[in-house]
Amino acid sequence: QVQLVESGGGLVQAGGSLRLSCAASGRTHSKYAMAWFRQVVGKEREFVSVIRPFGGDTYYADSVKGRFTISRERFKNTVNLQMDSLKPEDTAVYYCTARREQVFGASYDYTSQTSYNYWGQGAQVTLSS
């Protein structure tokens, strides 16, 4: 089992920056892909970004590409999401999630929430215009 705890959410003005962190505990000696999803009330949870364990490949949703950066602090079992040039439409609850990967290049849909096994409680990010 892996436990995930998000931190760093809050209220920020449009154009500003915020950094979310996700601390993982438990069976973290295994290799996990770590991802961020976000959800607005009344809408489906959507993929934001993922960082994979073998090689550190990263992927982003088109809506955040060039503005958000995902990174892993390996020795701290922490994944960060640096969010810059924030827009009002970035307002959402952001969820950290993890999926165990056993081999390099494992094939799955990393944009689908059903691909992930462990979820944090979420962190609210609110943009003020």
C-alpha atoms as a PDB file:
ATOM      1  CA  GLN A   1       0.000   0.000   0.000  1.00  0.00           C
ATOM      2  CA  VAL A   2       1.033   3.549  -0.708  1.00  0.00           C
ATOM      3  CA  GLN A   3      -0.306   6.618   1.044  1.00  0.00           C
ATOM      4  CA  LEU A   4      -0.284   9.973  -0.727  1.00  0.00           C
ATOM      5  CA  VAL A   5      -0.627  13.376   0.915  1.00  0.00           C
ATOM      6  CA  GLU A   6      -0.890  16.572  -1.106  1.00  0.00           C
ATOM      7  CA  SER A   7       0.140  20.013   0.126  1.00  0.00           C
ATOM      8  CA  GLY A   8       0.639  23.489  -1.269  1.00  0.00           C
ATOM      9  CA  GLY A   9      -2.815  24.386  -2.480  1.00  0.00           C
ATOM     10  CA  GLY A  10      -4.352  27.772  -1.870  1.00  0.00           C
ATOM     11  CA  LEU A  11      -5.615  31.025  -3.335  1.00  0.00           C
ATOM     12  CA  VAL A  12      -3.521  32.800  -5.941  1.00  0.00           C
ATOM     13  CA  GLN A  13      -4.068  35.587  -8.432  1.00  0.00           C
ATOM     14  CA  ALA A  14      -4.265  34.895 -12.121  1.00  0.00           C
ATOM     15  CA  GLY A  15      -0.804  34.987 -13.626  1.00  0.00           C
ATOM     16  CA  GLY A  16       0.772  33.843 -10.412  1.00  0.00           C
ATOM     17  CA  SER A  17       2.489  30.615  -9.403  1.00  0.00           C
ATOM     18  CA  LEU A  18       1.884  27.824  -6.966  1.00  0.00           C
ATOM     19  CA  ARG A  19       3.665  24.581  -6.202  1.00  0.00           C
ATOM     20  CA  LEU A  20       1.877  21.441  -5.164  1.00  0.00           C
ATOM     21  CA  SER A  21       3.702  18.622  -3.439  1.00  0.00           C
ATOM     22  CA  CYS A  22       2.742  14.998  -2.987  1.00  0.00           C
ATOM     23  CA  ALA A  23       4.487  12.982  -0.305  1.00  0.00           C
ATOM     24  CA  ALA A  24       4.343   9.221  -0.675  1.00  0.00           C
ATOM     25  CA  SER A  25       4.746   6.761   2.163  1.00  0.00           C
ATOM     26  CA  GLY A  26       4.408   3.023   2.506  1.00  0.00           C
ATOM     27  CA  ARG A  27       5.750   0.636  -0.104  1.00  0.00           C
ATOM     28  CA  THR A  28       7.698   3.292  -1.913  1.00  0.00           C
ATOM     29  CA  HIS A  29      10.643   1.046  -2.669  1.00  0.00           C
ATOM     30  CA  SER A  30       8.772  -0.129  -5.723  1.00  0.00           C
ATOM     31  CA  LYS A  31       8.665   1.888  -8.892  1.00  0.00           C
ATOM     32  CA  TYR A  32       5.631   4.100  -9.297  1.00  0.00           C
ATOM     33  CA  ALA A  33       4.390   6.447 -11.935  1.00  0.00           C
ATOM     34  CA  MET A  34       3.165   9.564 -10.167  1.00  0.00           C
ATOM     35  CA  ALA A  35       0.523  11.770 -11.707  1.00  0.00           C
ATOM     36  CA  TRP A  36      -1.689  14.760 -11.053  1.00  0.00           C
ATOM     37  CA  PHE A  37      -5.330  15.010 -11.973  1.00  0.00           C
ATOM     38  CA  ARG A  38      -7.748  17.811 -11.255  1.00  0.00           C
ATOM     39  CA  GLN A  39     -11.463  18.086 -10.862  1.00  0.00           C
ATOM     40  CA  VAL A  40     -14.009  20.862 -10.883  1.00  0.00           C
ATOM     41  CA  VAL A  41     -17.373  20.313  -9.238  1.00  0.00           C
ATOM     42  CA  GLY A  42     -19.773  18.859 -11.744  1.00  0.00           C
ATOM     43  CA  LYS A  43     -17.057  17.775 -14.162  1.00  0.00           C
ATOM     44  CA  GLU A  44     -15.023  14.653 -14.638  1.00  0.00           C
ATOM     45  CA  ARG A  45     -11.569  14.353 -13.155  1.00  0.00           C
ATOM     46  CA  GLU A  46      -9.026  15.244 -15.818  1.00  0.00           C
ATOM     47  CA  PHE A  47      -5.399  14.362 -16.374  1.00  0.00           C
ATOM     48  CA  VAL A  48      -2.826  17.079 -15.749  1.00  0.00           C
ATOM     49  CA  SER A  49       0.624  15.496 -15.769  1.00  0.00           C
ATOM     50  CA  VAL A  50       2.570  12.308 -15.081  1.00  0.00           C
ATOM     51  CA  ILE A  51       6.168  11.375 -14.367  1.00  0.00           C
ATOM     52  CA  ARG A  52       7.162   7.807 -14.986  1.00  0.00           C
ATOM     53  CA  PRO A  53       9.707   5.905 -12.869  1.00  0.00           C
ATOM     54  CA  PHE A  54      12.007   4.473 -15.537  1.00  0.00           C
ATOM     55  CA  GLY A  55      13.827   7.271 -17.265  1.00  0.00           C
ATOM     56  CA  GLY A  56      11.709   9.994 -15.691  1.00  0.00           C
ATOM     57  CA  ASP A  57       9.602  10.668 -18.788  1.00  0.00           C
ATOM     58  CA  THR A  58       7.010  13.374 -18.257  1.00  0.00           C
ATOM     59  CA  TYR A  59       3.758  14.106 -20.043  1.00  0.00           C
ATOM     60  CA  TYR A  60       1.306  16.977 -19.802  1.00  0.00           C
ATOM     61  CA  ALA A  61      -2.213  17.817 -20.792  1.00  0.00           C
ATOM     62  CA  ASP A  62      -2.298  20.326 -23.632  1.00  0.00           C
ATOM     63  CA  SER A  63      -4.071  22.810 -21.375  1.00  0.00           C
ATOM     64  CA  VAL A  64      -1.080  23.047 -19.013  1.00  0.00           C
ATOM     65  CA  LYS A  65       1.835  22.326 -21.330  1.00  0.00           C
ATOM     66  CA  GLY A  66       4.481  25.024 -21.060  1.00  0.00           C
ATOM     67  CA  ARG A  67       3.042  26.343 -17.780  1.00  0.00           C
ATOM     68  CA  PHE A  68       3.228  23.373 -15.406  1.00  0.00           C
ATOM     69  CA  THR A  69       6.281  21.295 -14.543  1.00  0.00           C
ATOM     70  CA  ILE A  70       6.242  17.961 -12.760  1.00  0.00           C
ATOM     71  CA  SER A  71       9.325  16.724 -10.936  1.00  0.00           C
ATOM     72  CA  ARG A  72      10.328  14.025  -8.522  1.00  0.00           C
ATOM     73  CA  GLU A  73      12.446  14.380  -5.393  1.00  0.00           C
ATOM     74  CA  ARG A  74      13.502  10.790  -5.327  1.00  0.00           C
ATOM     75  CA  PHE A  75      15.143  10.572  -1.938  1.00  0.00           C
ATOM     76  CA  LYS A  76      12.162  12.284  -0.353  1.00  0.00           C
ATOM     77  CA  ASN A  77       9.549  10.190  -2.149  1.00  0.00           C
ATOM     78  CA  THR A  78       7.942  13.454  -3.171  1.00  0.00           C
ATOM     79  CA  VAL A  79       6.522  14.641  -6.453  1.00  0.00           C
ATOM     80  CA  ASN A  80       6.024  18.326  -7.132  1.00  0.00           C
ATOM     81  CA  LEU A  81       3.846  20.181  -9.595  1.00  0.00           C
ATOM     82  CA  GLN A  82       5.119  23.670 -10.277  1.00  0.00           C
ATOM     83  CA  MET A  83       2.297  25.735 -11.730  1.00  0.00           C
ATOM     84  CA  ASP A  84       3.153  29.032 -13.400  1.00  0.00           C
ATOM     85  CA  SER A  85       1.125  31.563 -15.380  1.00  0.00           C
ATOM     86  CA  LEU A  86      -1.981  30.314 -13.672  1.00  0.00           C
ATOM     87  CA  LYS A  87      -5.359  31.008 -15.220  1.00  0.00           C
ATOM     88  CA  PRO A  88      -8.838  31.136 -13.697  1.00  0.00           C
ATOM     89  CA  GLU A  89      -9.672  27.883 -15.482  1.00  0.00           C
ATOM     90  CA  ASP A  90      -6.941  26.157 -13.451  1.00  0.00           C
ATOM     91  CA  THR A  91      -9.189  26.428 -10.412  1.00  0.00           C
ATOM     92  CA  ALA A  92      -9.866  22.871  -9.238  1.00  0.00           C
ATOM     93  CA  VAL A  93      -9.116  20.268  -6.639  1.00  0.00           C
ATOM     94  CA  TYR A  94      -5.799  18.693  -7.573  1.00  0.00           C
ATOM     95  CA  TYR A  95      -5.252  15.031  -6.818  1.00  0.00           C
ATOM     96  CA  CYS A  96      -1.987  13.141  -6.617  1.00  0.00           C
ATOM     97  CA  THR A  97      -2.114   9.554  -7.767  1.00  0.00           C
ATOM     98  CA  ALA A  98       0.252   6.623  -8.245  1.00  0.00           C
ATOM     99  CA  ARG A  99       0.512   3.471 -10.259  1.00  0.00           C
ATOM    100  CA  ARG A 100       3.093   0.772  -9.800  1.00  0.00           C
ATOM    101  CA  GLU A 101       5.212   0.065 -12.862  1.00  0.00           C
ATOM    102  CA  GLN A 102       7.174  -3.164 -12.895  1.00  0.00           C
ATOM    103  CA  VAL A 103       8.946  -2.873 -16.211  1.00  0.00           C
ATOM    104  CA  PHE A 104      10.332  -0.122 -18.346  1.00  0.00           C
ATOM    105  CA  GLY A 105       7.943   1.032 -21.037  1.00  0.00           C
ATOM    106  CA  ALA A 106       4.837  -0.546 -19.544  1.00  0.00           C
ATOM    107  CA  SER A 107       1.937   0.323 -21.794  1.00  0.00           C
ATOM    108  CA  TYR A 108      -1.205   1.874 -20.357  1.00  0.00           C
ATOM    109  CA  ASP A 109      -3.303   4.983 -20.732  1.00  0.00           C
ATOM    110  CA  TYR A 110      -1.610   7.366 -18.312  1.00  0.00           C
ATOM    111  CA  THR A 111      -4.328   9.971 -18.961  1.00  0.00           C
ATOM    112  CA  SER A 112      -7.058   7.746 -17.538  1.00  0.00           C
ATOM    113  CA  GLN A 113      -7.793   7.860 -13.817  1.00  0.00           C
ATOM    114  CA  THR A 114      -8.690   4.176 -13.960  1.00  0.00           C
ATOM    115  CA  SER A 115      -5.022   3.388 -14.618  1.00  0.00           C
ATOM    116  CA  TYR A 116      -4.018   4.452 -11.118  1.00  0.00           C
ATOM    117  CA  ASN A 117      -4.286   2.572  -7.869  1.00  0.00           C
ATOM    118  CA  TYR A 118      -3.594   5.081  -5.117  1.00  0.00           C
ATOM    119  CA  TRP A 119      -5.027   8.545  -4.576  1.00  0.00           C
ATOM    120  CA  GLY A 120      -4.465  11.441  -2.227  1.00  0.00           C
ATOM    121  CA  GLN A 121      -7.243  13.458  -0.626  1.00  0.00           C
ATOM    122  CA  GLY A 122      -6.806  16.423  -2.922  1.00  0.00           C
ATOM    123  CA  ALA A 123      -5.629  20.005  -2.612  1.00  0.00           C
ATOM    124  CA  GLN A 124      -7.781  22.985  -3.536  1.00  0.00           C
ATOM    125  CA  VAL A 125      -6.309  25.524  -5.933  1.00  0.00           C
ATOM    126  CA  THR A 126      -8.337  28.671  -6.457  1.00  0.00           C
ATOM    127  CA  LEU A 127      -7.544  31.455  -8.883  1.00  0.00           C
ATOM    128  CA  SER A 128      -8.778  34.975  -8.371  1.00  0.00           C
ATOM    129  CA  SER A 129      -9.057  37.202 -11.422  1.00  0.00           C
END
